[in-house]
Amino acid sequence: MPSPSRWVIGAATALVASCLAVSGTESSAFAAGCPLWTKSKVAGGYSTLENLAFDGAGRMLLSETGALGTPGGVRTLTPTGVKGTAVPNVTSPGGLVVDGRTLYFTSGNGVLSGLFDIKDGRINKVDLDTGVVSTVATGLVMPNGMTRLPGGDLVVSRDLGKGSMTRVTPSTGGATPFAPAATSTNGMAVDPVRNVLYVDSTFDAKTLISVIDLNDPTATPRTIEIPGFGPLNSADDLTLGADGNLYVALNVAGKVIRVNPDTGAQCTVAQGIAFVSSVRFGAGPGWDPASLYATSFTGTVTRITPG
């Protein structure tokens, strides 16, 4: 989703928008007595951090938007705290998807692009071994989150303005609308067992997780409602855990919640992380697979550990 200063514009847009009629919604109260996980700071000093991923070889990858017009980029972080850069000079980077030794990343995730339908967004890729960068697709509007479908196509989300998700075939760069019933889309995760894609909404009046049937993405999705006014939750990125639960970053609420996608049962696992933007379980040497790692618009990376 947009950075804090840009969020104000997005929230104002949502406040004046009409409430959308939602059918088939599951609303569930938060579980009582859910234990909070332990938080510890991993790194700080970045500008706005939008997304993270792991390269599987020991590095965390971070999409950073520069402050006050300075260039952003895709940054790297080792478990010992060594910072680096995988791709410099990236304008408003968003979603990150690792496929082997290739990193796909979006650019052009800007609020003005979303509000005024400016097609300056791209999907790019970089060879993590050689550093060679190339363009996969152009002409996208505010590509925010990104995920990879089982067949290899990529899906990007958009949380501001008209339109929703877009499906892109990397080999051709061809782009088509995807699952148009979901709106103000942001974080996404594919569940290959259930053959569904989960996507949350950011600025709609209700915070919803839409469950998209990958066999029929045009069908009206089942939805799970997260309590609270949508823009004041501002659901951002999400991830699917090995336990089968979804973990959702509520950006403005400063919380990470766990959601059972089958029952809709919900539980807060972390709070007090200002403008939390993305969550992923650790992967690769030095990163705990049982812990969530969370980025924030305040430029921090936080480890969230069960127990």
C-alpha atoms as a PDB file:
ATOM      1  CA  MET A   1       0.000   0.000   0.000  1.00  0.00           C
ATOM      2  CA  PRO A   2       1.134   3.640  -0.202  1.00  0.00           C
ATOM      3  CA  SER A   3       3.642   5.032   2.304  1.00  0.00           C
ATOM      4  CA  PRO A   4       2.345   7.019   5.334  1.00  0.00           C
ATOM      5  CA  SER A   5       2.120  10.403   3.614  1.00  0.00           C
ATOM      6  CA  ARG A   6       0.467   8.822   0.600  1.00  0.00           C
ATOM      7  CA  TRP A   7      -1.882   6.805   2.808  1.00  0.00           C
ATOM      8  CA  VAL A   8      -3.655  10.012   3.821  1.00  0.00           C
ATOM      9  CA  ILE A   9      -4.720  10.545   0.221  1.00  0.00           C
ATOM     10  CA  GLY A  10      -5.836   6.949  -0.120  1.00  0.00           C
ATOM     11  CA  ALA A  11      -7.787   7.052   3.121  1.00  0.00           C
ATOM     12  CA  ALA A  12      -9.556  10.250   2.077  1.00  0.00           C
ATOM     13  CA  THR A  13     -10.507   8.578  -1.169  1.00  0.00           C
ATOM     14  CA  ALA A  14     -11.946   5.617   0.726  1.00  0.00           C
ATOM     15  CA  LEU A  15     -13.887   7.812   3.129  1.00  0.00           C
ATOM     16  CA  VAL A  16     -15.757   9.535   0.349  1.00  0.00           C
ATOM     17  CA  ALA A  17     -16.358   6.316  -1.554  1.00  0.00           C
ATOM     18  CA  SER A  18     -19.645   4.508  -1.279  1.00  0.00           C
ATOM     19  CA  CYS A  19     -19.683   1.386   0.863  1.00  0.00           C
ATOM     20  CA  LEU A  20     -19.567  -1.640  -1.374  1.00  0.00           C
ATOM     21  CA  ALA A  21     -22.245  -4.281  -1.045  1.00  0.00           C
ATOM     22  CA  VAL A  22     -20.590  -7.565  -0.128  1.00  0.00           C
ATOM     23  CA  SER A  23     -22.227 -10.963  -0.386  1.00  0.00           C
ATOM     24  CA  GLY A  24     -21.161 -14.293   1.078  1.00  0.00           C
ATOM     25  CA  THR A  25     -19.113 -12.645   3.826  1.00  0.00           C
ATOM     26  CA  GLU A  26     -17.899 -14.518   6.890  1.00  0.00           C
ATOM     27  CA  SER A  27     -17.452 -12.288   9.948  1.00  0.00           C
ATOM     28  CA  SER A  28     -15.655 -13.697  12.966  1.00  0.00           C
ATOM     29  CA  ALA A  29     -14.732 -12.223  16.348  1.00  0.00           C
ATOM     30  CA  PHE A  30     -11.152 -12.374  17.460  1.00  0.00           C
ATOM     31  CA  ALA A  31     -10.233 -15.303  19.681  1.00  0.00           C
ATOM     32  CA  ALA A  32     -10.014 -14.488  23.369  1.00  0.00           C
ATOM     33  CA  GLY A  33      -6.787 -15.172  25.254  1.00  0.00           C
ATOM     34  CA  CYS A  34      -4.588 -15.469  22.189  1.00  0.00           C
ATOM     35  CA  PRO A  35      -0.950 -15.184  23.320  1.00  0.00           C
ATOM     36  CA  LEU A  36       1.121 -12.455  21.688  1.00  0.00           C
ATOM     37  CA  TRP A  37       4.340 -13.511  20.025  1.00  0.00           C
ATOM     38  CA  THR A  38       7.701 -12.035  21.051  1.00  0.00           C
ATOM     39  CA  LYS A  39       9.028  -9.073  19.060  1.00  0.00           C
ATOM     40  CA  SER A  40      12.677  -8.205  18.496  1.00  0.00           C
ATOM     41  CA  LYS A  41      14.272  -5.648  16.197  1.00  0.00           C
ATOM     42  CA  VAL A  42      16.342  -7.059  13.346  1.00  0.00           C
ATOM     43  CA  ALA A  43      17.329  -3.866  11.501  1.00  0.00           C
ATOM     44  CA  GLY A  44      16.442  -0.199  11.136  1.00  0.00           C
ATOM     45  CA  GLY A  45      17.510   2.991   9.414  1.00  0.00           C
ATOM     46  CA  TYR A  46      15.771   2.339   6.108  1.00  0.00           C
ATOM     47  CA  SER A  47      13.317   4.630   4.397  1.00  0.00           C
ATOM     48  CA  THR A  48       9.828   3.275   3.686  1.00  0.00           C
ATOM     49  CA  LEU A  49       9.884  -0.523   3.451  1.00  0.00           C
ATOM     50  CA  GLU A  50       7.076  -1.997   1.363  1.00  0.00           C
ATOM     51  CA  ASN A  51       7.771  -5.702   0.968  1.00  0.00           C
ATOM     52  CA  LEU A  52      10.208  -8.497   1.763  1.00  0.00           C
ATOM     53  CA  ALA A  53      11.256 -11.900   0.501  1.00  0.00           C
ATOM     54  CA  PHE A  54      14.128 -14.343   1.022  1.00  0.00           C
ATOM     55  CA  ASP A  55      16.525 -15.451  -1.694  1.00  0.00           C
ATOM     56  CA  GLY A  56      17.017 -18.881  -0.085  1.00  0.00           C
ATOM     57  CA  ALA A  57      20.775 -18.373   0.097  1.00  0.00           C
ATOM     58  CA  GLY A  58      20.902 -16.305   3.289  1.00  0.00           C
ATOM     59  CA  ARG A  59      19.738 -12.850   2.231  1.00  0.00           C
ATOM     60  CA  MET A  60      16.536 -11.009   3.014  1.00  0.00           C
ATOM     61  CA  LEU A  61      15.320  -8.849   0.120  1.00  0.00           C
ATOM     62  CA  LEU A  62      13.555  -5.557   0.850  1.00  0.00           C
ATOM     63  CA  SER A  63      11.730  -3.099  -1.405  1.00  0.00           C
ATOM     64  CA  GLU A  64      12.560   0.407  -0.185  1.00  0.00           C
ATOM     65  CA  THR A  65      11.030   3.673  -1.380  1.00  0.00           C
ATOM     66  CA  GLY A  66      13.426   6.577  -0.998  1.00  0.00           C
ATOM     67  CA  ALA A  67      12.651   9.563   1.216  1.00  0.00           C
ATOM     68  CA  LEU A  68      11.972  13.049  -0.186  1.00  0.00           C
ATOM     69  CA  GLY A  69      12.490  12.091  -3.792  1.00  0.00           C
ATOM     70  CA  THR A  70      15.686  10.086  -3.327  1.00  0.00           C
ATOM     71  CA  PRO A  71      15.960   6.880  -5.368  1.00  0.00           C
ATOM     72  CA  GLY A  72      14.565   3.689  -3.929  1.00  0.00           C
ATOM     73  CA  GLY A  73      15.797   0.187  -4.588  1.00  0.00           C
ATOM     74  CA  VAL A  74      15.724  -3.480  -3.747  1.00  0.00           C
ATOM     75  CA  ARG A  75      17.938  -3.865  -0.689  1.00  0.00           C
ATOM     76  CA  THR A  76      19.574  -6.911   0.863  1.00  0.00           C
ATOM     77  CA  LEU A  77      20.095  -7.830   4.510  1.00  0.00           C
ATOM     78  CA  THR A  78      22.066 -10.710   6.001  1.00  0.00           C
ATOM     79  CA  PRO A  79      21.250 -12.443   9.307  1.00  0.00           C
ATOM     80  CA  THR A  80      24.244 -10.645  10.844  1.00  0.00           C
ATOM     81  CA  GLY A  81      22.903  -7.233   9.847  1.00  0.00           C
ATOM     82  CA  VAL A  82      25.019  -6.482   6.775  1.00  0.00           C
ATOM     83  CA  LYS A  83      23.101  -4.248   4.383  1.00  0.00           C
ATOM     84  CA  GLY A  84      23.477  -4.169   0.622  1.00  0.00           C
ATOM     85  CA  THR A  85      21.646  -3.454  -2.627  1.00  0.00           C
ATOM     86  CA  ALA A  86      20.427  -5.948  -5.216  1.00  0.00           C
ATOM     87  CA  VAL A  87      18.925  -3.355  -7.590  1.00  0.00           C
ATOM     88  CA  PRO A  88      19.564   0.409  -7.208  1.00  0.00           C
ATOM     89  CA  ASN A  89      17.456   3.323  -8.450  1.00  0.00           C
ATOM     90  CA  VAL A  90      14.015   1.722  -8.477  1.00  0.00           C
ATOM     91  CA  THR A  91      11.017   4.072  -8.451  1.00  0.00           C
ATOM     92  CA  SER A  92       8.387   3.045  -5.878  1.00  0.00           C
ATOM     93  CA  PRO A  93       9.208  -0.675  -5.687  1.00  0.00           C
ATOM     94  CA  GLY A  94       6.475  -3.001  -4.459  1.00  0.00           C
ATOM     95  CA  GLY A  95       5.986  -6.762  -4.492  1.00  0.00           C
ATOM     96  CA  LEU A  96       8.887  -9.223  -4.517  1.00  0.00           C
ATOM     97  CA  VAL A  97       8.695 -12.808  -5.798  1.00  0.00           C
ATOM     98  CA  VAL A  98      11.667 -15.188  -5.823  1.00  0.00           C
ATOM     99  CA  ASP A  99      11.706 -18.036  -8.353  1.00  0.00           C
ATOM    100  CA  GLY A 100      14.936 -19.979  -8.071  1.00  0.00           C
ATOM    101  CA  ARG A 101      17.731 -17.465  -8.602  1.00  0.00           C
ATOM    102  CA  THR A 102      15.436 -14.924 -10.281  1.00  0.00           C
ATOM    103  CA  LEU A 103      13.801 -12.109  -8.362  1.00  0.00           C
ATOM    104  CA  TYR A 104      10.711 -10.480  -9.850  1.00  0.00           C
ATOM    105  CA  PHE A 105       9.928  -7.002  -8.491  1.00  0.00           C
ATOM    106  CA  THR A 106       7.436  -4.285  -9.312  1.00  0.00           C
ATOM    107  CA  SER A 107       8.083  -0.581  -9.810  1.00  0.00           C
ATOM    108  CA  GLY A 108       5.742   2.379 -10.211  1.00  0.00           C
ATOM    109  CA  ASN A 109       3.733   1.625  -7.063  1.00  0.00           C
ATOM    110  CA  GLY A 110       2.822   5.308  -6.671  1.00  0.00           C
ATOM    111  CA  VAL A 111      -0.341   6.884  -5.294  1.00  0.00           C
ATOM    112  CA  LEU A 112      -0.764   9.348  -8.172  1.00  0.00           C
ATOM    113  CA  SER A 113      -0.521   6.497 -10.639  1.00  0.00           C
ATOM    114  CA  GLY A 114      -3.319   4.702  -8.828  1.00  0.00           C
ATOM    115  CA  LEU A 115      -5.592   7.696  -8.451  1.00  0.00           C
ATOM    116  CA  PHE A 116      -5.141   8.989 -12.003  1.00  0.00           C
ATOM    117  CA  ASP A 117      -4.773   5.658 -13.803  1.00  0.00           C
ATOM    118  CA  ILE A 118      -1.228   6.338 -14.982  1.00  0.00           C
ATOM    119  CA  LYS A 119       0.283   3.301 -16.684  1.00  0.00           C
ATOM    120  CA  ASP A 120       3.877   3.742 -15.565  1.00  0.00           C
ATOM    121  CA  GLY A 121       4.116   0.517 -13.560  1.00  0.00           C
ATOM    122  CA  ARG A 122       6.382  -2.383 -14.464  1.00  0.00           C
ATOM    123  CA  ILE A 123       7.310  -5.898 -13.511  1.00  0.00           C
ATOM    124  CA  ASN A 124      11.062  -6.347 -13.645  1.00  0.00           C
ATOM    125  CA  LYS A 125      13.400  -9.206 -12.903  1.00  0.00           C
ATOM    126  CA  VAL A 126      16.978  -9.535 -11.750  1.00  0.00           C
ATOM    127  CA  ASP A 127      19.336 -12.490 -11.892  1.00  0.00           C
ATOM    128  CA  LEU A 128      20.439 -12.800  -8.276  1.00  0.00           C
ATOM    129  CA  ASP A 129      23.777 -14.292  -9.300  1.00  0.00           C
ATOM    130  CA  THR A 130      24.806 -11.874 -12.044  1.00  0.00           C
ATOM    131  CA  GLY A 131      22.799  -8.770 -11.094  1.00  0.00           C
ATOM    132  CA  VAL A 132      21.461  -8.400 -14.647  1.00  0.00           C
ATOM    133  CA  VAL A 133      18.118  -6.564 -14.657  1.00  0.00           C
ATOM    134  CA  SER A 134      15.476  -6.811 -17.373  1.00  0.00           C
ATOM    135  CA  THR A 135      11.869  -5.777 -17.914  1.00  0.00           C
ATOM    136  CA  VAL A 136       9.068  -8.346 -17.893  1.00  0.00           C
ATOM    137  CA  ALA A 137       5.988  -6.166 -18.419  1.00  0.00           C
ATOM    138  CA  THR A 138       5.136  -2.476 -18.820  1.00  0.00           C
ATOM    139  CA  GLY A 139       1.970  -0.389 -18.932  1.00  0.00           C
ATOM    140  CA  LEU A 140       0.675  -1.456 -15.515  1.00  0.00           C
ATOM    141  CA  VAL A 141      -1.104   0.847 -13.087  1.00  0.00           C
ATOM    142  CA  MET A 142       0.294   0.933  -9.561  1.00  0.00           C
ATOM    143  CA  PRO A 143       1.469  -2.692  -9.290  1.00  0.00           C
ATOM    144  CA  ASN A 144       1.585  -3.181  -5.528  1.00  0.00           C
ATOM    145  CA  GLY A 145       1.593  -6.732  -4.221  1.00  0.00           C
ATOM    146  CA  MET A 146       2.698  -9.636  -6.390  1.00  0.00           C
ATOM    147  CA  THR A 147       2.469 -13.412  -6.317  1.00  0.00           C
ATOM    148  CA  ARG A 148       3.255 -16.300  -8.647  1.00  0.00           C
ATOM    149  CA  LEU A 149       0.574 -18.729  -9.795  1.00  0.00           C
ATOM    150  CA  PRO A 150       1.280 -22.479 -10.025  1.00  0.00           C
ATOM    151  CA  GLY A 151       1.680 -22.312 -13.827  1.00  0.00           C
ATOM    152  CA  GLY A 152       4.271 -19.524 -13.629  1.00  0.00           C
ATOM    153  CA  ASP A 153       2.135 -16.478 -14.397  1.00  0.00           C
ATOM    154  CA  LEU A 154       2.400 -13.493 -12.067  1.00  0.00           C
ATOM    155  CA  VAL A 155      -0.484 -11.565 -10.501  1.00  0.00           C
ATOM    156  CA  VAL A 156      -0.112  -7.970  -9.308  1.00  0.00           C
ATOM    157  CA  SER A 157      -2.573  -6.107  -7.083  1.00  0.00           C
ATOM    158  CA  ARG A 158      -3.700  -2.484  -6.969  1.00  0.00           C
ATOM    159  CA  ASP A 159      -5.296  -0.857  -3.919  1.00  0.00           C
ATOM    160  CA  LEU A 160      -6.109   2.655  -5.223  1.00  0.00           C
ATOM    161  CA  GLY A 161      -8.294   3.766  -8.108  1.00  0.00           C
ATOM    162  CA  LYS A 162     -10.410   1.690 -10.419  1.00  0.00           C
ATOM    163  CA  GLY A 163      -9.450  -1.798 -11.447  1.00  0.00           C
ATOM    164  CA  SER A 164      -8.018  -4.553  -9.320  1.00  0.00           C
ATOM    165  CA  MET A 165      -5.607  -7.383 -10.056  1.00  0.00           C
ATOM    166  CA  THR A 166      -3.740  -8.070 -13.285  1.00  0.00           C
ATOM    167  CA  ARG A 167      -2.358 -11.389 -14.522  1.00  0.00           C
ATOM    168  CA  VAL A 168       0.939 -11.236 -16.408  1.00  0.00           C
ATOM    169  CA  THR A 169       2.659 -13.963 -18.434  1.00  0.00           C
ATOM    170  CA  PRO A 170       6.423 -13.429 -17.952  1.00  0.00           C
ATOM    171  CA  SER A 171       7.446 -14.984 -21.265  1.00  0.00           C
ATOM    172  CA  THR A 172       5.373 -12.529 -23.319  1.00  0.00           C
ATOM    173  CA  GLY A 173       4.612  -9.644 -20.960  1.00  0.00           C
ATOM    174  CA  GLY A 174       0.947 -10.040 -21.816  1.00  0.00           C
ATOM    175  CA  ALA A 175      -1.413  -8.632 -19.174  1.00  0.00           C
ATOM    176  CA  THR A 176      -5.105  -9.372 -18.576  1.00  0.00           C
ATOM    177  CA  PRO A 177      -7.556  -8.488 -15.776  1.00  0.00           C
ATOM    178  CA  PHE A 178      -7.756 -11.071 -13.005  1.00  0.00           C
ATOM    179  CA  ALA A 179     -10.529 -11.806 -10.470  1.00  0.00           C
ATOM    180  CA  PRO A 180     -12.369  -8.489 -10.978  1.00  0.00           C
ATOM    181  CA  ALA A 181     -14.780  -9.062  -8.073  1.00  0.00           C
ATOM    182  CA  ALA A 182     -12.010  -8.315  -5.544  1.00  0.00           C
ATOM    183  CA  THR A 183     -11.376  -4.572  -5.055  1.00  0.00           C
ATOM    184  CA  SER A 184      -8.728  -2.374  -3.413  1.00  0.00           C
ATOM    185  CA  THR A 185      -6.462  -5.408  -3.521  1.00  0.00           C
ATOM    186  CA  ASN A 186      -3.087  -5.654  -1.822  1.00  0.00           C
ATOM    187  CA  GLY A 187      -1.444  -8.683  -0.182  1.00  0.00           C
ATOM    188  CA  MET A 188      -1.729 -12.043  -1.923  1.00  0.00           C
ATOM    189  CA  ALA A 189      -0.801 -15.654  -1.286  1.00  0.00           C
ATOM    190  CA  VAL A 190      -1.426 -18.812  -3.297  1.00  0.00           C
ATOM    191  CA  ASP A 191      -2.542 -22.003  -1.559  1.00  0.00           C
ATOM    192  CA  PRO A 192      -1.571 -24.792  -3.990  1.00  0.00           C
ATOM    193  CA  VAL A 193      -3.310 -27.469  -1.892  1.00  0.00           C
ATOM    194  CA  ARG A 194      -6.724 -25.763  -2.076  1.00  0.00           C
ATOM    195  CA  ASN A 195      -5.906 -24.234  -5.500  1.00  0.00           C
ATOM    196  CA  VAL A 196      -6.983 -20.778  -4.357  1.00  0.00           C
ATOM    197  CA  LEU A 197      -5.473 -17.318  -4.117  1.00  0.00           C
ATOM    198  CA  TYR A 198      -6.039 -15.216  -0.997  1.00  0.00           C
ATOM    199  CA  VAL A 199      -6.062 -11.424  -1.387  1.00  0.00           C
ATOM    200  CA  ASP A 200      -6.960  -8.726   1.132  1.00  0.00           C
ATOM    201  CA  SER A 201      -8.493  -5.273   0.684  1.00  0.00           C
ATOM    202  CA  THR A 202      -6.964  -2.046   1.967  1.00  0.00           C
ATOM    203  CA  PHE A 203      -9.231   0.977   1.527  1.00  0.00           C
ATOM    204  CA  ASP A 204     -12.698  -0.542   1.140  1.00  0.00           C
ATOM    205  CA  ALA A 205     -15.094   0.172   4.001  1.00  0.00           C
ATOM    206  CA  LYS A 206     -14.858  -3.472   5.052  1.00  0.00           C
ATOM    207  CA  THR A 207     -11.561  -5.322   5.364  1.00  0.00           C
ATOM    208  CA  LEU A 208     -12.026  -8.529   3.410  1.00  0.00           C
ATOM    209  CA  ILE A 209      -9.895 -11.488   2.471  1.00  0.00           C
ATOM    210  CA  SER A 210     -11.206 -12.796  -0.840  1.00  0.00           C
ATOM    211  CA  VAL A 211     -10.692 -16.475  -1.615  1.00  0.00           C
ATOM    212  CA  ILE A 212     -10.228 -16.718  -5.386  1.00  0.00           C
ATOM    213  CA  ASP A 213     -10.843 -20.089  -7.032  1.00  0.00           C
ATOM    214  CA  LEU A 214      -7.940 -20.506  -9.462  1.00  0.00           C
ATOM    215  CA  ASN A 215     -10.062 -22.808 -11.599  1.00  0.00           C
ATOM    216  CA  ASP A 216     -12.619 -20.014 -12.020  1.00  0.00           C
ATOM    217  CA  PRO A 217     -11.148 -16.633 -11.018  1.00  0.00           C
ATOM    218  CA  THR A 218     -14.077 -14.723 -12.520  1.00  0.00           C
ATOM    219  CA  ALA A 219     -16.536 -16.297 -10.058  1.00  0.00           C
ATOM    220  CA  THR A 220     -17.716 -14.321  -7.021  1.00  0.00           C
ATOM    221  CA  PRO A 221     -15.241 -15.244  -4.290  1.00  0.00           C
ATOM    222  CA  ARG A 222     -15.934 -16.419  -0.783  1.00  0.00           C
ATOM    223  CA  THR A 223     -14.813 -13.697   1.640  1.00  0.00           C
ATOM    224  CA  ILE A 224     -13.617 -13.510   5.221  1.00  0.00           C
ATOM    225  CA  GLU A 225     -14.221 -10.243   7.058  1.00  0.00           C
ATOM    226  CA  ILE A 226     -11.721  -8.743   9.484  1.00  0.00           C
ATOM    227  CA  PRO A 227     -13.542  -6.590  12.084  1.00  0.00           C
ATOM    228  CA  GLY A 228     -13.037  -2.823  12.024  1.00  0.00           C
ATOM    229  CA  PHE A 229     -13.335   0.025   9.533  1.00  0.00           C
ATOM    230  CA  GLY A 230     -11.314  -0.830   6.451  1.00  0.00           C
ATOM    231  CA  PRO A 231      -9.038   2.223   6.105  1.00  0.00           C
ATOM    232  CA  LEU A 232      -8.274   2.171   9.843  1.00  0.00           C
ATOM    233  CA  ASN A 233      -7.143  -1.440   9.490  1.00  0.00           C
ATOM    234  CA  SER A 234      -5.493  -0.875   6.101  1.00  0.00           C
ATOM    235  CA  ALA A 235      -4.727  -4.524   5.460  1.00  0.00           C
ATOM    236  CA  ASP A 236      -1.419  -4.658   3.626  1.00  0.00           C
ATOM    237  CA  ASP A 237       0.618  -7.712   2.752  1.00  0.00           C
ATOM    238  CA  LEU A 238      -0.202 -11.247   3.890  1.00  0.00           C
ATOM    239  CA  THR A 239       1.451 -14.657   3.842  1.00  0.00           C
ATOM    240  CA  LEU A 240       0.396 -18.278   4.152  1.00  0.00           C
ATOM    241  CA  GLY A 241       2.085 -20.196   6.950  1.00  0.00           C
ATOM    242  CA  ALA A 242       3.095 -23.849   6.976  1.00  0.00           C
ATOM    243  CA  ASP A 243       0.304 -24.315   9.534  1.00  0.00           C
ATOM    244  CA  GLY A 244      -2.276 -23.437   6.871  1.00  0.00           C
ATOM    245  CA  ASN A 245      -3.157 -20.098   8.492  1.00  0.00           C
ATOM    246  CA  LEU A 246      -2.944 -16.665   6.919  1.00  0.00           C
ATOM    247  CA  TYR A 247      -0.892 -13.940   8.599  1.00  0.00           C
ATOM    248  CA  VAL A 248      -2.029 -10.425   7.703  1.00  0.00           C
ATOM    249  CA  ALA A 249      -0.262  -7.096   8.286  1.00  0.00           C
ATOM    250  CA  LEU A 250      -2.776  -4.405   9.336  1.00  0.00           C
ATOM    251  CA  ASN A 251      -0.768  -1.326   8.435  1.00  0.00           C
ATOM    252  CA  VAL A 252      -2.554   1.545  10.182  1.00  0.00           C
ATOM    253  CA  ALA A 253      -3.697  -0.648  13.086  1.00  0.00           C
ATOM    254  CA  GLY A 254      -0.069  -1.677  13.647  1.00  0.00           C
ATOM    255  CA  LYS A 255      -0.986  -5.339  14.094  1.00  0.00           C
ATOM    256  CA  VAL A 256      -0.285  -8.744  12.632  1.00  0.00           C
ATOM    257  CA  ILE A 257      -3.233 -11.111  12.812  1.00  0.00           C
ATOM    258  CA  ARG A 258      -3.614 -14.836  12.185  1.00  0.00           C
ATOM    259  CA  VAL A 259      -6.652 -15.967  10.202  1.00  0.00           C
ATOM    260  CA  ASN A 260      -7.885 -19.520   9.733  1.00  0.00           C
ATOM    261  CA  PRO A 261      -8.986 -19.522   6.072  1.00  0.00           C
ATOM    262  CA  ASP A 262     -11.431 -22.389   6.609  1.00  0.00           C
ATOM    263  CA  THR A 263     -13.296 -21.176   9.703  1.00  0.00           C
ATOM    264  CA  GLY A 264     -12.531 -17.435   9.629  1.00  0.00           C
ATOM    265  CA  ALA A 265     -11.277 -17.571  13.247  1.00  0.00           C
ATOM    266  CA  GLN A 266      -8.873 -14.704  13.964  1.00  0.00           C
ATOM    267  CA  CYS A 267      -6.241 -13.859  16.529  1.00  0.00           C
ATOM    268  CA  THR A 268      -3.738 -11.019  17.046  1.00  0.00           C
ATOM    269  CA  VAL A 269      -0.161 -12.345  17.226  1.00  0.00           C
ATOM    270  CA  ALA A 270       1.661  -8.991  17.318  1.00  0.00           C
ATOM    271  CA  GLN A 271       0.775  -5.357  17.915  1.00  0.00           C
ATOM    272  CA  GLY A 272       2.554  -2.045  18.298  1.00  0.00           C
ATOM    273  CA  ILE A 273       4.455  -2.311  14.995  1.00  0.00           C
ATOM    274  CA  ALA A 274       3.751   1.105  13.495  1.00  0.00           C
ATOM    275  CA  PHE A 275       2.746   0.956   9.811  1.00  0.00           C
ATOM    276  CA  VAL A 276       3.627  -2.731   9.452  1.00  0.00           C
ATOM    277  CA  SER A 277       3.653  -3.443   5.724  1.00  0.00           C
ATOM    278  CA  SER A 278       4.691  -7.019   4.996  1.00  0.00           C
ATOM    279  CA  VAL A 279       5.217 -10.353   6.746  1.00  0.00           C
ATOM    280  CA  ARG A 280       7.086 -13.516   5.719  1.00  0.00           C
ATOM    281  CA  PHE A 281       8.305 -16.598   7.535  1.00  0.00           C
ATOM    282  CA  GLY A 282      12.071 -16.991   7.555  1.00  0.00           C
ATOM    283  CA  ALA A 283      13.657 -19.017   4.756  1.00  0.00           C
ATOM    284  CA  GLY A 284      17.264 -19.891   4.027  1.00  0.00           C
ATOM    285  CA  PRO A 285      20.427 -19.973   6.163  1.00  0.00           C
ATOM    286  CA  GLY A 286      20.264 -17.803   9.273  1.00  0.00           C
ATOM    287  CA  TRP A 287      16.538 -17.015   9.140  1.00  0.00           C
ATOM    288  CA  ASP A 288      14.198 -18.818  11.551  1.00  0.00           C
ATOM    289  CA  PRO A 289      11.409 -20.608   9.614  1.00  0.00           C
ATOM    290  CA  ALA A 290       9.177 -20.521  12.710  1.00  0.00           C
ATOM    291  CA  SER A 291       9.407 -16.729  13.018  1.00  0.00           C
ATOM    292  CA  LEU A 292       7.638 -14.053  11.043  1.00  0.00           C
ATOM    293  CA  TYR A 293       9.728 -11.149   9.778  1.00  0.00           C
ATOM    294  CA  ALA A 294       7.864  -7.879   9.336  1.00  0.00           C
ATOM    295  CA  THR A 295       8.733  -4.684   7.484  1.00  0.00           C
ATOM    296  CA  SER A 296       7.408  -1.235   8.332  1.00  0.00           C
ATOM    297  CA  PHE A 297       7.015   2.152   6.705  1.00  0.00           C
ATOM    298  CA  THR A 298       9.165   3.431   9.580  1.00  0.00           C
ATOM    299  CA  GLY A 299      12.157   1.635   8.034  1.00  0.00           C
ATOM    300  CA  THR A 300      12.459  -1.255  10.477  1.00  0.00           C
ATOM    301  CA  VAL A 301      12.517  -5.027  10.200  1.00  0.00           C
ATOM    302  CA  THR A 302      11.053  -6.897  13.188  1.00  0.00           C
ATOM    303  CA  ARG A 303      11.226 -10.581  14.076  1.00  0.00           C
ATOM    304  CA  ILE A 304       8.026 -12.019  15.567  1.00  0.00           C
ATOM    305  CA  THR A 305       8.538 -15.343  17.340  1.00  0.00           C
ATOM    306  CA  PRO A 306       5.896 -17.695  18.770  1.00  0.00           C
ATOM    307  CA  GLY A 307       5.836 -18.149  22.539  1.00  0.00           C
END
